[in-house]
Amino acid sequence: MDAGTSDWAERPYRPCVGIMLINQNNQIFAGRRIDTKLEAWQMPQGGIDPGEDVTTACFREMREEIGTDKARLLAEHPDWLKYDIPLPLADQLWGGQFRGQAQKWVALRFTGSNADINIATEEPEFSEWCWMDPGRLPHLAVPFKRSVYDSVLTEFSPLFLTSV
């Protein structure tokens, strides 16, 4: 076993916020990752900076990843959801410090228009985006995120059934 493999399980999880942005038609924002040739779609997410609360991180990450923060907070998942990143990728990301991410998920209602969304940000994460029916996303996400997405969809499913 090499050093990367032996210390992987000892690494901490990176604190992160996940964003389920829901439009007026009860579809969720999904972006296709720019850094892979795989059909890998995901919701916006990103690290929580030291001293930053979940809500502040959520709106900052939305601005950084999709160019808008036109939304209102609907709910916060009660749990921190964790996923492990496969070792070769974990060694490449964040200087190899983390084994995966611990995410606090929030659901938001999008209050803007499609014209407010701009994925051509300073550091683009997505090559394309769409509004997607919630049940489709787990099947299009990378395998190591699917159980987190299932949990998020289960927790926030009442929000899709409500009128806007």
N, C-alpha and C. Protein backbone atom coordinates (compact mmCIF):
# COMPACT_ATOMS: atom_id res chain seq x y z
N MET A 1 0.85 -1.18 0.00
CA MET A 1 0.00 0.00 0.00
C MET A 1 0.89 1.24 0.00
N ASP A 2 0.59 2.21 -0.86
CA ASP A 2 1.40 3.42 -0.86
C ASP A 2 0.91 4.39 0.21
N ALA A 3 1.68 5.47 0.40
CA ALA A 3 1.37 6.43 1.46
C ALA A 3 0.00 7.08 1.27
N GLY A 4 -0.36 7.39 0.01
CA GLY A 4 -1.66 8.01 -0.25
C GLY A 4 -2.80 7.11 0.18
N THR A 5 -2.67 5.82 -0.10
CA THR A 5 -3.72 4.88 0.25
C THR A 5 -3.82 4.72 1.76
N SER A 6 -2.69 4.61 2.44
CA SER A 6 -2.70 4.33 3.87
C SER A 6 -3.24 5.51 4.68
N ASP A 7 -3.04 6.74 4.24
CA ASP A 7 -3.52 7.87 5.04
C ASP A 7 -4.87 8.41 4.58
N TRP A 8 -5.42 7.88 3.50
CA TRP A 8 -6.67 8.39 2.95
C TRP A 8 -7.80 8.36 3.98
N ALA A 9 -7.96 7.25 4.67
CA ALA A 9 -9.05 7.10 5.64
C ALA A 9 -8.88 8.03 6.85
N GLU A 10 -7.68 8.52 7.07
CA GLU A 10 -7.42 9.41 8.21
C GLU A 10 -7.67 10.88 7.87
N ARG A 11 -7.83 11.18 6.61
CA ARG A 11 -8.02 12.57 6.20
C ARG A 11 -9.40 13.07 6.63
N PRO A 12 -9.49 14.36 6.94
CA PRO A 12 -10.80 14.93 7.30
C PRO A 12 -11.65 15.18 6.05
N TYR A 13 -12.90 15.53 6.28
CA TYR A 13 -13.79 15.94 5.21
C TYR A 13 -13.75 17.46 5.08
N ARG A 14 -13.81 17.93 3.87
CA ARG A 14 -13.83 19.37 3.60
C ARG A 14 -15.25 19.90 3.84
N PRO A 15 -15.41 20.93 4.70
CA PRO A 15 -16.74 21.50 4.92
C PRO A 15 -17.21 22.23 3.67
N CYS A 16 -18.44 21.96 3.29
CA CYS A 16 -18.93 22.43 2.00
C CYS A 16 -20.43 22.71 2.10
N VAL A 17 -20.91 23.58 1.25
CA VAL A 17 -22.34 23.84 1.12
C VAL A 17 -22.80 23.30 -0.23
N GLY A 18 -23.98 22.70 -0.24
CA GLY A 18 -24.60 22.24 -1.47
C GLY A 18 -25.88 23.02 -1.70
N ILE A 19 -26.18 23.34 -2.95
CA ILE A 19 -27.29 24.23 -3.27
C ILE A 19 -28.27 23.56 -4.21
N MET A 20 -29.50 23.36 -3.72
CA MET A 20 -30.57 22.90 -4.59
C MET A 20 -31.40 24.13 -4.93
N LEU A 21 -31.20 24.61 -6.14
CA LEU A 21 -31.91 25.80 -6.62
C LEU A 21 -33.12 25.34 -7.43
N ILE A 22 -34.31 25.74 -6.99
CA ILE A 22 -35.57 25.27 -7.56
C ILE A 22 -36.25 26.42 -8.30
N ASN A 23 -36.62 26.18 -9.56
CA ASN A 23 -37.29 27.24 -10.32
C ASN A 23 -38.80 27.21 -10.10
N GLN A 24 -39.50 28.08 -10.81
CA GLN A 24 -40.96 28.22 -10.65
C GLN A 24 -41.72 26.98 -11.12
N ASN A 25 -41.07 26.13 -11.93
CA ASN A 25 -41.70 24.90 -12.41
C ASN A 25 -41.29 23.68 -11.58
N ASN A 26 -40.68 23.94 -10.41
CA ASN A 26 -40.22 22.88 -9.51
C ASN A 26 -39.17 21.96 -10.15
N GLN A 27 -38.35 22.55 -11.02
CA GLN A 27 -37.18 21.86 -11.56
C GLN A 27 -35.97 22.41 -10.83
N ILE A 28 -34.88 21.64 -10.85
CA ILE A 28 -33.67 22.08 -10.16
C ILE A 28 -32.57 22.44 -11.15
N PHE A 29 -31.73 23.36 -10.73
CA PHE A 29 -30.59 23.76 -11.55
C PHE A 29 -29.57 22.63 -11.54
N ALA A 30 -29.07 22.28 -12.71
CA ALA A 30 -27.99 21.30 -12.84
C ALA A 30 -27.00 21.83 -13.85
N GLY A 31 -25.72 21.64 -13.54
CA GLY A 31 -24.66 22.04 -14.45
C GLY A 31 -23.80 20.84 -14.81
N ARG A 32 -23.36 20.82 -16.06
CA ARG A 32 -22.45 19.76 -16.49
C ARG A 32 -21.03 20.20 -16.18
N ARG A 33 -20.31 19.37 -15.44
CA ARG A 33 -18.96 19.71 -15.00
C ARG A 33 -18.06 19.97 -16.20
N ILE A 34 -17.27 21.03 -16.09
CA ILE A 34 -16.40 21.43 -17.18
C ILE A 34 -15.09 20.63 -17.21
N ASP A 35 -14.75 19.99 -16.07
CA ASP A 35 -13.44 19.37 -15.92
C ASP A 35 -13.42 17.87 -16.18
N THR A 36 -14.43 17.35 -16.86
CA THR A 36 -14.45 15.92 -17.15
C THR A 36 -15.13 15.66 -18.48
N LYS A 37 -14.72 14.60 -19.11
CA LYS A 37 -15.36 14.20 -20.36
C LYS A 37 -16.59 13.32 -20.09
N LEU A 38 -16.76 12.92 -18.84
CA LEU A 38 -17.92 12.11 -18.45
C LEU A 38 -19.19 12.95 -18.51
N GLU A 39 -20.30 12.29 -18.58
CA GLU A 39 -21.60 12.95 -18.50
C GLU A 39 -21.88 13.17 -17.01
N ALA A 40 -21.21 14.15 -16.42
CA ALA A 40 -21.29 14.39 -14.98
C ALA A 40 -22.00 15.71 -14.70
N TRP A 41 -23.22 15.61 -14.21
CA TRP A 41 -24.03 16.78 -13.88
C TRP A 41 -24.13 16.90 -12.36
N GLN A 42 -24.22 18.13 -11.89
CA GLN A 42 -24.34 18.34 -10.45
C GLN A 42 -25.02 19.65 -10.15
N MET A 43 -25.42 19.79 -8.89
CA MET A 43 -25.93 21.05 -8.38
C MET A 43 -24.74 21.87 -7.91
N PRO A 44 -24.89 23.19 -7.82
CA PRO A 44 -23.79 24.01 -7.32
C PRO A 44 -23.39 23.60 -5.90
N GLN A 45 -22.12 23.70 -5.64
CA GLN A 45 -21.60 23.39 -4.31
C GLN A 45 -20.23 24.05 -4.16
N GLY A 46 -19.78 24.19 -2.94
CA GLY A 46 -18.45 24.75 -2.74
C GLY A 46 -18.10 24.84 -1.27
N GLY A 47 -16.84 25.08 -1.03
CA GLY A 47 -16.32 25.12 0.33
C GLY A 47 -16.88 26.25 1.16
N ILE A 48 -16.96 25.98 2.45
CA ILE A 48 -17.34 27.00 3.42
C ILE A 48 -16.05 27.59 3.96
N ASP A 49 -15.87 28.89 3.76
CA ASP A 49 -14.65 29.56 4.21
C ASP A 49 -14.63 29.67 5.73
N PRO A 50 -13.43 29.73 6.34
CA PRO A 50 -13.34 29.90 7.80
C PRO A 50 -14.13 31.14 8.25
N GLY A 51 -14.94 30.97 9.28
CA GLY A 51 -15.73 32.06 9.83
C GLY A 51 -17.02 32.34 9.07
N GLU A 52 -17.28 31.60 8.01
CA GLU A 52 -18.46 31.83 7.18
C GLU A 52 -19.59 30.89 7.62
N ASP A 53 -20.82 31.40 7.68
CA ASP A 53 -21.94 30.52 8.00
C ASP A 53 -22.47 29.89 6.71
N VAL A 54 -23.35 28.92 6.85
CA VAL A 54 -23.87 28.16 5.71
C VAL A 54 -24.59 29.07 4.72
N THR A 55 -25.44 29.94 5.21
CA THR A 55 -26.21 30.81 4.31
C THR A 55 -25.31 31.75 3.52
N THR A 56 -24.35 32.35 4.18
CA THR A 56 -23.41 33.24 3.50
C THR A 56 -22.63 32.47 2.44
N ALA A 57 -22.15 31.28 2.79
CA ALA A 57 -21.41 30.46 1.84
C ALA A 57 -22.29 30.08 0.65
N CYS A 58 -23.54 29.77 0.92
CA CYS A 58 -24.48 29.39 -0.13
C CYS A 58 -24.61 30.49 -1.18
N PHE A 59 -24.89 31.69 -0.75
CA PHE A 59 -25.10 32.78 -1.70
C PHE A 59 -23.79 33.19 -2.39
N ARG A 60 -22.67 33.10 -1.69
CA ARG A 60 -21.37 33.39 -2.32
C ARG A 60 -21.09 32.36 -3.41
N GLU A 61 -21.28 31.08 -3.09
CA GLU A 61 -21.02 30.03 -4.08
C GLU A 61 -21.93 30.16 -5.30
N MET A 62 -23.19 30.52 -5.08
CA MET A 62 -24.09 30.72 -6.23
C MET A 62 -23.55 31.81 -7.15
N ARG A 63 -23.12 32.92 -6.56
CA ARG A 63 -22.57 34.01 -7.39
C ARG A 63 -21.33 33.53 -8.13
N GLU A 64 -20.45 32.81 -7.42
CA GLU A 64 -19.20 32.36 -8.04
C GLU A 64 -19.41 31.32 -9.14
N GLU A 65 -20.39 30.43 -8.97
CA GLU A 65 -20.55 29.33 -9.91
C GLU A 65 -21.58 29.58 -11.00
N ILE A 66 -22.64 30.32 -10.68
CA ILE A 66 -23.67 30.51 -11.71
C ILE A 66 -24.03 31.98 -11.92
N GLY A 67 -23.24 32.88 -11.34
CA GLY A 67 -23.36 34.29 -11.65
C GLY A 67 -24.57 35.01 -11.09
N THR A 68 -25.29 34.39 -10.18
CA THR A 68 -26.47 35.05 -9.59
C THR A 68 -26.66 34.61 -8.15
N ASP A 69 -27.35 35.44 -7.40
CA ASP A 69 -27.79 35.05 -6.06
C ASP A 69 -29.27 35.40 -5.88
N LYS A 70 -29.99 35.44 -7.00
CA LYS A 70 -31.41 35.77 -6.97
C LYS A 70 -32.21 34.54 -6.53
N ALA A 71 -32.37 34.44 -5.24
CA ALA A 71 -33.07 33.29 -4.67
C ALA A 71 -33.44 33.61 -3.23
N ARG A 72 -34.41 32.85 -2.74
CA ARG A 72 -34.75 32.96 -1.32
C ARG A 72 -34.62 31.58 -0.68
N LEU A 73 -34.16 31.59 0.54
CA LEU A 73 -33.92 30.36 1.28
C LEU A 73 -35.25 29.70 1.65
N LEU A 74 -35.36 28.39 1.35
CA LEU A 74 -36.56 27.62 1.69
C LEU A 74 -36.32 26.70 2.88
N ALA A 75 -35.18 26.00 2.87
CA ALA A 75 -34.92 25.00 3.91
C ALA A 75 -33.45 24.65 3.94
N GLU A 76 -33.05 24.09 5.08
CA GLU A 76 -31.69 23.58 5.26
C GLU A 76 -31.80 22.12 5.70
N HIS A 77 -31.01 21.26 5.08
CA HIS A 77 -31.01 19.85 5.46
C HIS A 77 -30.54 19.75 6.92
N PRO A 78 -31.18 18.91 7.73
CA PRO A 78 -30.79 18.85 9.15
C PRO A 78 -29.43 18.20 9.39
N ASP A 79 -28.93 17.44 8.43
CA ASP A 79 -27.68 16.70 8.64
C ASP A 79 -26.56 17.19 7.73
N TRP A 80 -25.35 16.92 8.16
CA TRP A 80 -24.19 17.07 7.29
C TRP A 80 -24.06 15.76 6.52
N LEU A 81 -24.07 15.83 5.21
CA LEU A 81 -23.99 14.65 4.35
C LEU A 81 -22.58 14.52 3.82
N LYS A 82 -22.01 13.33 3.94
CA LYS A 82 -20.62 13.11 3.55
C LYS A 82 -20.51 12.19 2.35
N TYR A 83 -19.49 12.45 1.54
CA TYR A 83 -19.13 11.49 0.51
C TYR A 83 -17.62 11.45 0.37
N ASP A 84 -17.13 10.27 0.06
CA ASP A 84 -15.71 10.07 -0.18
C ASP A 84 -15.41 10.25 -1.66
N ILE A 85 -14.28 10.85 -1.94
CA ILE A 85 -13.81 11.01 -3.31
C ILE A 85 -12.83 9.89 -3.59
N PRO A 86 -12.92 9.24 -4.75
CA PRO A 86 -11.96 8.17 -5.05
C PRO A 86 -10.51 8.66 -4.87
N LEU A 87 -9.69 7.78 -4.34
CA LEU A 87 -8.32 8.15 -3.96
C LEU A 87 -7.53 8.90 -5.02
N PRO A 88 -7.45 8.46 -6.25
CA PRO A 88 -6.63 9.23 -7.20
C PRO A 88 -7.10 10.68 -7.32
N LEU A 89 -8.40 10.90 -7.30
CA LEU A 89 -8.94 12.24 -7.38
C LEU A 89 -8.72 13.00 -6.07
N ALA A 90 -8.89 12.32 -4.94
CA ALA A 90 -8.67 12.96 -3.63
C ALA A 90 -7.23 13.45 -3.50
N ASP A 91 -6.29 12.73 -4.09
CA ASP A 91 -4.88 13.16 -4.04
C ASP A 91 -4.63 14.41 -4.87
N GLN A 92 -5.46 14.64 -5.88
CA GLN A 92 -5.28 15.80 -6.77
C GLN A 92 -5.98 17.05 -6.25
N LEU A 93 -7.11 16.88 -5.59
CA LEU A 93 -7.91 18.03 -5.16
C LEU A 93 -7.45 18.57 -3.81
N TRP A 94 -7.50 19.88 -3.67
CA TRP A 94 -7.24 20.57 -2.40
C TRP A 94 -5.92 20.12 -1.77
N GLY A 95 -4.91 19.90 -2.60
CA GLY A 95 -3.60 19.52 -2.10
C GLY A 95 -3.58 18.17 -1.41
N GLY A 96 -4.54 17.32 -1.69
CA GLY A 96 -4.59 16.00 -1.09
C GLY A 96 -4.91 15.99 0.39
N GLN A 97 -5.47 17.09 0.89
CA GLN A 97 -5.75 17.21 2.33
C GLN A 97 -6.98 16.45 2.80
N PHE A 98 -7.95 16.22 1.89
CA PHE A 98 -9.26 15.71 2.31
C PHE A 98 -9.59 14.38 1.65
N ARG A 99 -10.41 13.60 2.31
CA ARG A 99 -10.88 12.32 1.74
C ARG A 99 -12.19 12.48 1.00
N GLY A 100 -12.85 13.61 1.22
CA GLY A 100 -14.13 13.89 0.59
C GLY A 100 -14.71 15.17 1.15
N GLN A 101 -16.02 15.28 1.07
CA GLN A 101 -16.67 16.50 1.54
C GLN A 101 -17.80 16.17 2.52
N ALA A 102 -17.96 17.05 3.50
CA ALA A 102 -19.11 17.03 4.40
C ALA A 102 -19.93 18.25 4.00
N GLN A 103 -21.14 18.01 3.52
CA GLN A 103 -21.94 19.07 2.94
C GLN A 103 -23.18 19.38 3.76
N LYS A 104 -23.44 20.66 3.91
CA LYS A 104 -24.71 21.14 4.46
C LYS A 104 -25.50 21.65 3.27
N TRP A 105 -26.64 21.00 3.00
CA TRP A 105 -27.44 21.32 1.82
C TRP A 105 -28.53 22.31 2.16
N VAL A 106 -28.77 23.23 1.24
CA VAL A 106 -29.85 24.20 1.37
C VAL A 106 -30.70 24.15 0.10
N ALA A 107 -31.99 24.39 0.28
CA ALA A 107 -32.91 24.51 -0.85
C ALA A 107 -33.30 25.97 -0.98
N LEU A 108 -33.28 26.46 -2.20
CA LEU A 108 -33.63 27.84 -2.47
C LEU A 108 -34.61 27.91 -3.64
N ARG A 109 -35.48 28.90 -3.60
CA ARG A 109 -36.39 29.16 -4.71
C ARG A 109 -35.75 30.25 -5.56
N PHE A 110 -35.55 29.96 -6.83
CA PHE A 110 -34.96 30.93 -7.76
C PHE A 110 -35.96 32.05 -8.00
N THR A 111 -35.51 33.29 -7.83
CA THR A 111 -36.40 34.44 -7.98
C THR A 111 -36.06 35.28 -9.21
N GLY A 112 -35.06 34.86 -9.94
CA GLY A 112 -34.66 35.61 -11.12
C GLY A 112 -35.22 35.00 -12.39
N SER A 113 -34.60 35.38 -13.51
CA SER A 113 -34.96 34.80 -14.81
C SER A 113 -33.74 34.06 -15.34
N ASN A 114 -33.93 33.24 -16.35
CA ASN A 114 -32.81 32.50 -16.93
C ASN A 114 -31.68 33.43 -17.38
N ALA A 115 -32.03 34.64 -17.78
CA ALA A 115 -31.01 35.61 -18.20
C ALA A 115 -30.07 36.00 -17.06
N ASP A 116 -30.49 35.79 -15.81
CA ASP A 116 -29.64 36.12 -14.66
C ASP A 116 -28.54 35.08 -14.44
N ILE A 117 -28.69 33.92 -15.02
CA ILE A 117 -27.72 32.84 -14.83
C ILE A 117 -26.61 32.98 -15.86
N ASN A 118 -25.37 32.96 -15.36
CA ASN A 118 -24.20 33.10 -16.23
C ASN A 118 -23.12 32.16 -15.72
N ILE A 119 -22.94 31.04 -16.41
CA ILE A 119 -21.94 30.07 -15.97
C ILE A 119 -20.54 30.42 -16.48
N ALA A 120 -20.42 31.46 -17.30
CA ALA A 120 -19.11 31.91 -17.77
C ALA A 120 -18.51 32.84 -16.72
N THR A 121 -18.24 32.26 -15.55
CA THR A 121 -17.75 33.02 -14.40
C THR A 121 -16.23 33.13 -14.45
N GLU A 122 -15.65 33.78 -13.46
CA GLU A 122 -14.20 33.96 -13.39
C GLU A 122 -13.46 32.62 -13.39
N GLU A 123 -13.99 31.65 -12.66
CA GLU A 123 -13.44 30.29 -12.64
C GLU A 123 -14.57 29.33 -12.94
N PRO A 124 -14.87 29.11 -14.23
CA PRO A 124 -16.04 28.30 -14.59
C PRO A 124 -15.96 26.87 -14.07
N GLU A 125 -17.12 26.39 -13.61
CA GLU A 125 -17.25 25.01 -13.13
C GLU A 125 -18.08 24.17 -14.09
N PHE A 126 -18.93 24.84 -14.88
CA PHE A 126 -19.88 24.13 -15.74
C PHE A 126 -19.68 24.52 -17.20
N SER A 127 -19.87 23.53 -18.09
CA SER A 127 -19.80 23.80 -19.52
C SER A 127 -21.18 24.10 -20.09
N GLU A 128 -22.22 23.63 -19.42
CA GLU A 128 -23.60 23.91 -19.81
C GLU A 128 -24.48 23.72 -18.59
N TRP A 129 -25.72 24.19 -18.69
CA TRP A 129 -26.65 24.06 -17.57
C TRP A 129 -28.06 23.88 -18.10
N CYS A 130 -28.94 23.41 -17.21
CA CYS A 130 -30.36 23.28 -17.56
C CYS A 130 -31.17 23.21 -16.27
N TRP A 131 -32.48 23.36 -16.43
CA TRP A 131 -33.42 23.07 -15.37
C TRP A 131 -33.85 21.63 -15.57
N MET A 132 -33.75 20.82 -14.54
CA MET A 132 -33.93 19.38 -14.66
C MET A 132 -35.00 18.90 -13.67
N ASP A 133 -35.77 17.92 -14.10
CA ASP A 133 -36.69 17.29 -13.15
C ASP A 133 -35.86 16.63 -12.05
N PRO A 134 -36.21 16.80 -10.79
CA PRO A 134 -35.37 16.33 -9.69
C PRO A 134 -34.97 14.86 -9.77
N GLY A 135 -35.85 13.98 -10.18
CA GLY A 135 -35.54 12.56 -10.20
C GLY A 135 -34.47 12.15 -11.20
N ARG A 136 -34.19 12.98 -12.18
CA ARG A 136 -33.17 12.65 -13.20
C ARG A 136 -31.74 12.82 -12.70
N LEU A 137 -31.53 13.79 -11.83
CA LEU A 137 -30.16 14.17 -11.48
C LEU A 137 -29.32 13.06 -10.85
N PRO A 138 -29.83 12.29 -9.90
CA PRO A 138 -28.95 11.26 -9.32
C PRO A 138 -28.37 10.30 -10.36
N HIS A 139 -29.10 10.04 -11.41
CA HIS A 139 -28.63 9.12 -12.45
C HIS A 139 -27.55 9.75 -13.33
N LEU A 140 -27.47 11.09 -13.34
CA LEU A 140 -26.49 11.79 -14.17
C LEU A 140 -25.29 12.29 -13.37
N ALA A 141 -25.35 12.13 -12.05
CA ALA A 141 -24.25 12.56 -11.18
C ALA A 141 -23.16 11.48 -11.15
N VAL A 142 -21.96 11.88 -10.75
CA VAL A 142 -20.89 10.89 -10.59
C VAL A 142 -21.32 9.91 -9.50
N PRO A 143 -20.95 8.64 -9.62
CA PRO A 143 -21.44 7.62 -8.67
C PRO A 143 -21.19 7.94 -7.20
N PHE A 144 -20.09 8.57 -6.86
CA PHE A 144 -19.80 8.79 -5.44
C PHE A 144 -20.66 9.88 -4.81
N LYS A 145 -21.43 10.62 -5.61
CA LYS A 145 -22.34 11.64 -5.07
C LYS A 145 -23.80 11.18 -5.04
N ARG A 146 -24.10 10.05 -5.62
CA ARG A 146 -25.50 9.66 -5.81
C ARG A 146 -26.27 9.46 -4.50
N SER A 147 -25.66 8.87 -3.49
CA SER A 147 -26.39 8.65 -2.24
C SER A 147 -26.67 9.99 -1.54
N VAL A 148 -25.77 10.95 -1.66
CA VAL A 148 -26.02 12.29 -1.11
C VAL A 148 -27.19 12.93 -1.84
N TYR A 149 -27.19 12.83 -3.16
CA TYR A 149 -28.29 13.42 -3.93
C TYR A 149 -29.62 12.76 -3.58
N ASP A 150 -29.62 11.46 -3.39
CA ASP A 150 -30.85 10.77 -2.99
C ASP A 150 -31.36 11.31 -1.65
N SER A 151 -30.47 11.52 -0.70
CA SER A 151 -30.86 12.05 0.60
C SER A 151 -31.39 13.48 0.50
N VAL A 152 -30.74 14.30 -0.31
CA VAL A 152 -31.17 15.68 -0.50
C VAL A 152 -32.56 15.71 -1.15
N LEU A 153 -32.75 14.89 -2.17
CA LEU A 153 -34.06 14.85 -2.84
C LEU A 153 -35.16 14.37 -1.90
N THR A 154 -34.87 13.39 -1.08
CA THR A 154 -35.85 12.90 -0.12
C THR A 154 -36.22 13.99 0.88
N GLU A 155 -35.22 14.65 1.43
CA GLU A 155 -35.46 15.69 2.43
C GLU A 155 -36.25 16.87 1.86
N PHE A 156 -35.91 17.28 0.65
CA PHE A 156 -36.52 18.48 0.08
C PHE A 156 -37.71 18.19 -0.83
N SER A 157 -38.09 16.93 -0.98
CA SER A 157 -39.20 16.60 -1.91
C SER A 157 -40.50 17.35 -1.61
N PRO A 158 -40.86 17.64 -0.37
CA PRO A 158 -42.09 18.40 -0.15
C PRO A 158 -42.07 19.78 -0.84
N LEU A 159 -40.89 20.31 -1.07
CA LEU A 159 -40.77 21.62 -1.70
C LEU A 159 -41.15 21.57 -3.18
N PHE A 160 -41.03 20.41 -3.81
CA PHE A 160 -41.39 20.29 -5.22
C PHE A 160 -42.90 20.17 -5.39
N LEU A 161 -43.58 19.79 -4.35
CA LEU A 161 -45.01 19.55 -4.44
C LEU A 161 -45.82 20.78 -4.06
N THR A 162 -45.13 21.80 -3.56
CA THR A 162 -45.83 23.01 -3.13
C THR A 162 -45.93 24.00 -4.28
N SER A 163 -46.93 24.82 -4.25
CA SER A 163 -47.03 25.86 -5.27
C SER A 163 -46.09 27.00 -4.91
N VAL A 164 -45.72 27.76 -5.90
CA VAL A 164 -44.74 28.84 -5.69
C VAL A 164 -45.37 30.15 -5.46
